[in-house]
Amino acid sequence: MGQIIEHSGVISHINGKHIRVEIIQVSACSGCHAKSACTAADQAEKFVDVEYDGNDLKQGDAVTVTGQASMGLLAVLLAFVLPFVLILITLFVVGSFTENETLSGTVALLILIPYFIILSLFNAKLKSKLKFQIRKY
């Protein structure tokens, strides 16, 4: 079994089996007494959508959202690494056939359109792989 990532949050919205959990991410120094004078203190709101079959949860409940660390790696690979590699390969291939850098750059960026269309075709399969669990405190 892989590494588990846990985040505490609060249920912000429930729509049938779909639950939206608000997670407040804070940096390590945000609890410091001098955070008001420091620019390093950081806090961000994140929302995670979770499917849950039970009916024992309600809006405002404190919950823990868990997921596999490998889910995050897969998401980063699909959303950032593969598109970046695809752009670079396209840029060099088109650049070797033409001297026009504007054309090379445009084609390299336009190659992302079919990539994300193909990715959206596998949306249901990706949702089954990138699934979070929820549990009440």
N, C-alpha and C. Protein backbone atom coordinates (compact mmCIF):
# COMPACT_ATOMS: atom_id res chain seq x y z
N MET A 1 0.84 -1.18 0.00
CA MET A 1 0.00 0.00 0.00
C MET A 1 0.88 1.24 0.00
N GLY A 2 0.49 2.25 -0.78
CA GLY A 2 1.28 3.46 -0.92
C GLY A 2 1.09 4.41 0.25
N GLN A 3 1.78 5.50 0.15
CA GLN A 3 1.71 6.52 1.18
C GLN A 3 0.37 7.25 1.12
N ILE A 4 -0.22 7.48 2.29
CA ILE A 4 -1.52 8.14 2.39
C ILE A 4 -1.30 9.62 2.74
N ILE A 5 -2.03 10.48 2.04
CA ILE A 5 -2.00 11.91 2.33
C ILE A 5 -3.34 12.27 2.97
N GLU A 6 -3.29 13.00 4.08
CA GLU A 6 -4.51 13.40 4.79
C GLU A 6 -4.55 14.91 4.94
N HIS A 7 -5.75 15.45 4.80
CA HIS A 7 -5.97 16.88 5.02
C HIS A 7 -7.27 17.04 5.80
N SER A 8 -7.24 17.91 6.78
CA SER A 8 -8.45 18.23 7.53
C SER A 8 -9.20 19.33 6.80
N GLY A 9 -10.52 19.24 6.87
CA GLY A 9 -11.33 20.24 6.19
C GLY A 9 -12.72 20.31 6.76
N VAL A 10 -13.54 21.15 6.15
CA VAL A 10 -14.92 21.36 6.57
C VAL A 10 -15.80 21.20 5.33
N ILE A 11 -16.91 20.52 5.50
CA ILE A 11 -17.83 20.33 4.38
C ILE A 11 -18.48 21.67 4.06
N SER A 12 -18.31 22.11 2.82
CA SER A 12 -18.89 23.40 2.43
C SER A 12 -20.17 23.24 1.63
N HIS A 13 -20.37 22.08 0.99
CA HIS A 13 -21.56 21.89 0.17
C HIS A 13 -21.82 20.39 -0.01
N ILE A 14 -23.08 20.00 0.04
CA ILE A 14 -23.48 18.61 -0.20
C ILE A 14 -24.56 18.62 -1.27
N ASN A 15 -24.35 17.81 -2.31
CA ASN A 15 -25.33 17.66 -3.38
C ASN A 15 -25.48 16.17 -3.67
N GLY A 16 -26.40 15.52 -2.98
CA GLY A 16 -26.58 14.08 -3.14
C GLY A 16 -25.37 13.34 -2.60
N LYS A 17 -24.71 12.56 -3.47
CA LYS A 17 -23.52 11.82 -3.07
C LYS A 17 -22.24 12.63 -3.25
N HIS A 18 -22.35 13.81 -3.82
CA HIS A 18 -21.18 14.65 -4.07
C HIS A 18 -21.01 15.65 -2.95
N ILE A 19 -19.85 15.62 -2.33
CA ILE A 19 -19.54 16.50 -1.21
C ILE A 19 -18.35 17.35 -1.57
N ARG A 20 -18.44 18.65 -1.31
CA ARG A 20 -17.31 19.56 -1.52
C ARG A 20 -16.75 19.92 -0.16
N VAL A 21 -15.45 19.65 0.00
CA VAL A 21 -14.76 19.90 1.27
C VAL A 21 -13.79 21.06 1.08
N GLU A 22 -13.86 22.02 1.99
CA GLU A 22 -12.93 23.15 1.96
C GLU A 22 -11.75 22.84 2.87
N ILE A 23 -10.57 22.93 2.29
CA ILE A 23 -9.34 22.66 3.04
C ILE A 23 -8.57 23.97 3.10
N ILE A 24 -8.17 24.36 4.30
CA ILE A 24 -7.35 25.56 4.46
C ILE A 24 -5.90 25.09 4.58
N GLN A 25 -5.09 25.42 3.58
CA GLN A 25 -3.68 25.07 3.63
C GLN A 25 -2.92 26.26 4.18
N VAL A 26 -2.08 26.00 5.17
CA VAL A 26 -1.28 27.05 5.76
C VAL A 26 0.18 26.64 5.69
N SER A 27 1.05 27.63 5.56
CA SER A 27 2.48 27.34 5.55
C SER A 27 2.93 27.05 6.96
N ALA A 28 4.12 26.54 7.09
CA ALA A 28 4.65 26.14 8.39
C ALA A 28 4.80 27.32 9.34
N CYS A 29 5.03 28.49 8.79
CA CYS A 29 5.27 29.64 9.67
C CYS A 29 4.02 30.46 9.93
N SER A 30 2.86 30.03 9.44
CA SER A 30 1.67 30.85 9.62
C SER A 30 1.18 30.87 11.06
N GLY A 31 1.65 29.96 11.89
CA GLY A 31 1.27 29.96 13.29
C GLY A 31 2.18 30.82 14.15
N CYS A 32 3.15 31.43 13.55
CA CYS A 32 4.13 32.23 14.28
C CYS A 32 3.50 33.53 14.79
N HIS A 33 3.96 34.00 15.94
CA HIS A 33 3.42 35.23 16.51
C HIS A 33 3.79 36.46 15.70
N ALA A 34 4.81 36.38 14.86
CA ALA A 34 5.25 37.52 14.05
C ALA A 34 4.74 37.46 12.62
N LYS A 35 3.74 36.62 12.36
CA LYS A 35 3.30 36.44 10.97
C LYS A 35 2.71 37.71 10.34
N SER A 36 2.17 38.60 11.15
CA SER A 36 1.59 39.83 10.57
C SER A 36 2.67 40.74 10.00
N ALA A 37 3.88 40.63 10.49
CA ALA A 37 4.98 41.47 10.01
C ALA A 37 5.82 40.74 8.95
N CYS A 38 5.51 39.48 8.72
CA CYS A 38 6.32 38.66 7.82
C CYS A 38 5.56 38.41 6.53
N THR A 39 6.26 38.46 5.40
CA THR A 39 5.61 38.19 4.12
C THR A 39 5.64 36.71 3.77
N ALA A 40 6.31 35.89 4.57
CA ALA A 40 6.41 34.46 4.26
C ALA A 40 5.16 33.69 4.69
N ALA A 41 4.36 34.26 5.61
CA ALA A 41 3.16 33.57 6.07
C ALA A 41 2.17 33.45 4.91
N ASP A 42 1.66 32.25 4.71
CA ASP A 42 0.81 32.00 3.55
C ASP A 42 -0.35 31.10 3.95
N GLN A 43 -1.51 31.38 3.40
CA GLN A 43 -2.69 30.59 3.66
C GLN A 43 -3.52 30.56 2.38
N ALA A 44 -4.05 29.39 2.03
CA ALA A 44 -4.83 29.26 0.80
C ALA A 44 -6.00 28.32 1.03
N GLU A 45 -7.13 28.65 0.41
CA GLU A 45 -8.31 27.79 0.47
C GLU A 45 -8.29 26.87 -0.75
N LYS A 46 -8.53 25.58 -0.51
CA LYS A 46 -8.62 24.60 -1.59
C LYS A 46 -9.94 23.87 -1.42
N PHE A 47 -10.50 23.42 -2.53
CA PHE A 47 -11.74 22.65 -2.50
C PHE A 47 -11.49 21.29 -3.13
N VAL A 48 -11.99 20.25 -2.47
CA VAL A 48 -11.86 18.89 -2.96
C VAL A 48 -13.26 18.31 -3.07
N ASP A 49 -13.57 17.72 -4.22
CA ASP A 49 -14.86 17.06 -4.41
C ASP A 49 -14.70 15.57 -4.13
N VAL A 50 -15.61 15.04 -3.31
CA VAL A 50 -15.55 13.64 -2.88
C VAL A 50 -16.93 13.03 -3.07
N GLU A 51 -16.96 11.77 -3.52
CA GLU A 51 -18.22 11.04 -3.56
C GLU A 51 -18.33 10.22 -2.28
N TYR A 52 -19.51 10.27 -1.65
CA TYR A 52 -19.73 9.60 -0.38
C TYR A 52 -21.13 9.03 -0.37
N ASP A 53 -21.26 7.75 -0.05
CA ASP A 53 -22.56 7.08 -0.08
C ASP A 53 -23.37 7.24 1.19
N GLY A 54 -22.71 7.52 2.31
CA GLY A 54 -23.43 7.63 3.57
C GLY A 54 -24.23 8.91 3.66
N ASN A 55 -25.12 8.98 4.64
CA ASN A 55 -25.92 10.19 4.83
C ASN A 55 -25.74 10.74 6.24
N ASP A 56 -24.61 10.41 6.88
CA ASP A 56 -24.36 10.87 8.24
C ASP A 56 -23.57 12.17 8.29
N LEU A 57 -23.30 12.78 7.14
CA LEU A 57 -22.55 14.03 7.10
C LEU A 57 -23.47 15.19 6.73
N LYS A 58 -23.14 16.36 7.27
CA LYS A 58 -23.92 17.55 6.93
C LYS A 58 -22.96 18.73 6.74
N GLN A 59 -23.47 19.78 6.14
CA GLN A 59 -22.66 20.95 5.87
C GLN A 59 -22.12 21.52 7.17
N GLY A 60 -20.82 21.85 7.17
CA GLY A 60 -20.18 22.40 8.36
C GLY A 60 -19.45 21.36 9.20
N ASP A 61 -19.63 20.06 8.90
CA ASP A 61 -18.93 19.01 9.65
C ASP A 61 -17.43 19.05 9.36
N ALA A 62 -16.64 18.80 10.40
CA ALA A 62 -15.19 18.68 10.24
C ALA A 62 -14.89 17.26 9.79
N VAL A 63 -14.12 17.12 8.72
CA VAL A 63 -13.81 15.82 8.15
C VAL A 63 -12.33 15.75 7.79
N THR A 64 -11.89 14.54 7.50
CA THR A 64 -10.55 14.31 6.99
C THR A 64 -10.67 13.72 5.59
N VAL A 65 -9.97 14.32 4.64
CA VAL A 65 -9.95 13.84 3.27
C VAL A 65 -8.63 13.10 3.08
N THR A 66 -8.70 11.86 2.58
CA THR A 66 -7.49 11.07 2.38
C THR A 66 -7.37 10.63 0.93
N GLY A 67 -6.15 10.42 0.52
CA GLY A 67 -5.88 9.94 -0.83
C GLY A 67 -4.48 9.38 -0.90
N GLN A 68 -4.22 8.63 -1.95
CA GLN A 68 -2.90 8.05 -2.16
C GLN A 68 -1.95 9.10 -2.72
N ALA A 69 -0.70 9.07 -2.31
CA ALA A 69 0.29 10.00 -2.83
C ALA A 69 0.49 9.79 -4.32
N SER A 70 0.30 8.58 -4.79
CA SER A 70 0.48 8.29 -6.22
C SER A 70 -0.56 9.02 -7.07
N MET A 71 -1.72 9.35 -6.49
CA MET A 71 -2.73 10.12 -7.22
C MET A 71 -2.17 11.49 -7.59
N GLY A 72 -1.49 12.11 -6.66
CA GLY A 72 -0.91 13.42 -6.91
C GLY A 72 0.16 13.37 -7.98
N LEU A 73 0.97 12.33 -7.94
CA LEU A 73 2.01 12.19 -8.95
C LEU A 73 1.42 11.99 -10.34
N LEU A 74 0.36 11.18 -10.43
CA LEU A 74 -0.30 10.97 -11.72
C LEU A 74 -0.92 12.26 -12.23
N ALA A 75 -1.54 13.02 -11.34
CA ALA A 75 -2.16 14.29 -11.73
C ALA A 75 -1.11 15.28 -12.24
N VAL A 76 0.02 15.37 -11.56
CA VAL A 76 1.09 16.27 -11.99
C VAL A 76 1.66 15.82 -13.34
N LEU A 77 1.81 14.52 -13.50
CA LEU A 77 2.32 13.99 -14.77
C LEU A 77 1.39 14.35 -15.93
N LEU A 78 0.10 14.13 -15.75
CA LEU A 78 -0.85 14.38 -16.83
C LEU A 78 -1.10 15.86 -17.09
N ALA A 79 -1.06 16.68 -16.04
CA ALA A 79 -1.41 18.09 -16.20
C ALA A 79 -0.22 18.99 -16.53
N PHE A 80 0.99 18.58 -16.15
CA PHE A 80 2.13 19.47 -16.33
C PHE A 80 3.29 18.84 -17.11
N VAL A 81 3.72 17.67 -16.71
CA VAL A 81 4.92 17.08 -17.30
C VAL A 81 4.69 16.68 -18.76
N LEU A 82 3.65 15.88 -19.02
CA LEU A 82 3.41 15.44 -20.40
C LEU A 82 3.12 16.60 -21.35
N PRO A 83 2.30 17.59 -20.97
CA PRO A 83 2.12 18.73 -21.88
C PRO A 83 3.42 19.49 -22.15
N PHE A 84 4.25 19.64 -21.13
CA PHE A 84 5.53 20.33 -21.32
C PHE A 84 6.43 19.57 -22.29
N VAL A 85 6.52 18.25 -22.12
CA VAL A 85 7.33 17.43 -23.02
C VAL A 85 6.76 17.48 -24.44
N LEU A 86 5.44 17.42 -24.54
CA LEU A 86 4.79 17.50 -25.85
C LEU A 86 5.08 18.82 -26.56
N ILE A 87 5.05 19.92 -25.82
CA ILE A 87 5.38 21.23 -26.39
C ILE A 87 6.83 21.26 -26.87
N LEU A 88 7.75 20.77 -26.04
CA LEU A 88 9.16 20.79 -26.43
C LEU A 88 9.42 19.94 -27.67
N ILE A 89 8.87 18.74 -27.70
CA ILE A 89 9.08 17.87 -28.86
C ILE A 89 8.52 18.52 -30.12
N THR A 90 7.30 19.05 -30.02
CA THR A 90 6.67 19.69 -31.17
C THR A 90 7.48 20.92 -31.62
N LEU A 91 7.97 21.68 -30.66
CA LEU A 91 8.76 22.87 -30.98
C LEU A 91 10.02 22.51 -31.77
N PHE A 92 10.71 21.47 -31.33
CA PHE A 92 11.95 21.07 -32.01
C PHE A 92 11.67 20.41 -33.36
N VAL A 93 10.62 19.61 -33.45
CA VAL A 93 10.31 18.94 -34.72
C VAL A 93 9.88 19.96 -35.76
N VAL A 94 8.95 20.83 -35.41
CA VAL A 94 8.49 21.85 -36.37
C VAL A 94 9.62 22.83 -36.67
N GLY A 95 10.42 23.14 -35.66
CA GLY A 95 11.55 24.05 -35.87
C GLY A 95 12.60 23.50 -36.81
N SER A 96 12.72 22.17 -36.86
CA SER A 96 13.70 21.58 -37.78
C SER A 96 13.22 21.62 -39.23
N PHE A 97 11.91 21.78 -39.44
CA PHE A 97 11.36 21.84 -40.80
C PHE A 97 11.19 23.26 -41.31
N THR A 98 11.16 24.21 -40.42
CA THR A 98 10.93 25.59 -40.84
C THR A 98 11.83 26.53 -40.04
N GLU A 99 12.13 27.65 -40.62
CA GLU A 99 12.93 28.69 -39.96
C GLU A 99 12.03 29.67 -39.20
N ASN A 100 10.73 29.56 -39.39
CA ASN A 100 9.78 30.50 -38.81
C ASN A 100 9.52 30.12 -37.34
N GLU A 101 10.06 30.88 -36.42
CA GLU A 101 9.91 30.59 -34.98
C GLU A 101 8.49 30.83 -34.51
N THR A 102 7.82 31.81 -35.10
CA THR A 102 6.43 32.08 -34.72
C THR A 102 5.54 30.89 -35.05
N LEU A 103 5.75 30.31 -36.22
CA LEU A 103 4.98 29.13 -36.62
C LEU A 103 5.29 27.96 -35.70
N SER A 104 6.57 27.76 -35.39
CA SER A 104 6.96 26.66 -34.50
C SER A 104 6.31 26.81 -33.12
N GLY A 105 6.35 28.01 -32.57
CA GLY A 105 5.76 28.25 -31.26
C GLY A 105 4.25 28.09 -31.26
N THR A 106 3.62 28.56 -32.33
CA THR A 106 2.17 28.46 -32.43
C THR A 106 1.72 27.01 -32.54
N VAL A 107 2.39 26.25 -33.39
CA VAL A 107 2.04 24.83 -33.54
C VAL A 107 2.31 24.08 -32.23
N ALA A 108 3.41 24.41 -31.55
CA ALA A 108 3.72 23.75 -30.28
C ALA A 108 2.64 24.01 -29.24
N LEU A 109 2.11 25.22 -29.22
CA LEU A 109 1.04 25.51 -28.27
C LEU A 109 -0.29 24.91 -28.71
N LEU A 110 -0.55 24.91 -30.00
CA LEU A 110 -1.81 24.34 -30.50
C LEU A 110 -1.89 22.83 -30.33
N ILE A 111 -0.74 22.18 -30.19
CA ILE A 111 -0.73 20.72 -29.99
C ILE A 111 -1.39 20.35 -28.66
N LEU A 112 -1.50 21.33 -27.76
CA LEU A 112 -2.14 21.06 -26.47
C LEU A 112 -3.65 20.87 -26.60
N ILE A 113 -4.24 21.44 -27.63
CA ILE A 113 -5.69 21.31 -27.81
C ILE A 113 -6.08 19.85 -27.99
N PRO A 114 -5.49 19.11 -28.94
CA PRO A 114 -5.86 17.69 -29.05
C PRO A 114 -5.45 16.88 -27.82
N TYR A 115 -4.33 17.27 -27.17
CA TYR A 115 -3.91 16.54 -25.97
C TYR A 115 -4.98 16.62 -24.88
N PHE A 116 -5.48 17.82 -24.60
CA PHE A 116 -6.48 17.96 -23.55
C PHE A 116 -7.85 17.44 -23.97
N ILE A 117 -8.15 17.43 -25.27
CA ILE A 117 -9.38 16.79 -25.74
C ILE A 117 -9.30 15.29 -25.51
N ILE A 118 -8.18 14.68 -25.85
CA ILE A 118 -7.99 13.25 -25.61
C ILE A 118 -8.04 12.95 -24.12
N LEU A 119 -7.43 13.80 -23.32
CA LEU A 119 -7.46 13.63 -21.87
C LEU A 119 -8.89 13.70 -21.34
N SER A 120 -9.70 14.60 -21.89
CA SER A 120 -11.09 14.72 -21.43
C SER A 120 -11.93 13.51 -21.83
N LEU A 121 -11.55 12.82 -22.91
CA LEU A 121 -12.26 11.60 -23.30
C LEU A 121 -12.08 10.49 -22.26
N PHE A 122 -10.97 10.54 -21.54
CA PHE A 122 -10.69 9.55 -20.50
C PHE A 122 -11.07 10.07 -19.11
N ASN A 123 -11.96 11.05 -19.05
CA ASN A 123 -12.35 11.69 -17.80
C ASN A 123 -12.92 10.70 -16.78
N ALA A 124 -13.81 9.83 -17.22
CA ALA A 124 -14.42 8.86 -16.30
C ALA A 124 -13.38 7.90 -15.73
N LYS A 125 -12.48 7.45 -16.56
CA LYS A 125 -11.43 6.53 -16.10
C LYS A 125 -10.48 7.24 -15.13
N LEU A 126 -10.16 8.49 -15.43
CA LEU A 126 -9.29 9.25 -14.54
C LEU A 126 -9.96 9.52 -13.20
N LYS A 127 -11.26 9.81 -13.22
CA LYS A 127 -11.97 10.05 -11.96
C LYS A 127 -11.95 8.82 -11.07
N SER A 128 -12.01 7.64 -11.67
CA SER A 128 -11.97 6.42 -10.86
C SER A 128 -10.58 6.19 -10.26
N LYS A 129 -9.54 6.65 -10.94
CA LYS A 129 -8.18 6.51 -10.42
C LYS A 129 -7.83 7.60 -9.42
N LEU A 130 -8.38 8.79 -9.62
CA LEU A 130 -8.07 9.93 -8.77
C LEU A 130 -9.22 10.18 -7.80
N LYS A 131 -9.43 9.24 -6.91
CA LYS A 131 -10.57 9.29 -6.00
C LYS A 131 -10.12 9.51 -4.57
N PHE A 132 -10.79 10.45 -3.90
CA PHE A 132 -10.52 10.74 -2.50
C PHE A 132 -11.55 10.04 -1.62
N GLN A 133 -11.15 9.73 -0.39
CA GLN A 133 -12.06 9.20 0.60
C GLN A 133 -12.26 10.26 1.68
N ILE A 134 -13.36 10.12 2.40
CA ILE A 134 -13.69 11.10 3.42
C ILE A 134 -14.09 10.35 4.69
N ARG A 135 -13.71 10.90 5.83
CA ARG A 135 -14.17 10.33 7.10
C ARG A 135 -14.39 11.46 8.10
N LYS A 136 -15.39 11.25 8.92
CA LYS A 136 -15.76 12.25 9.92
C LYS A 136 -14.83 12.11 11.11
N TYR A 137 -14.56 13.24 11.77
CA TYR A 137 -13.74 13.21 12.99
C TYR A 137 -14.40 12.38 14.05
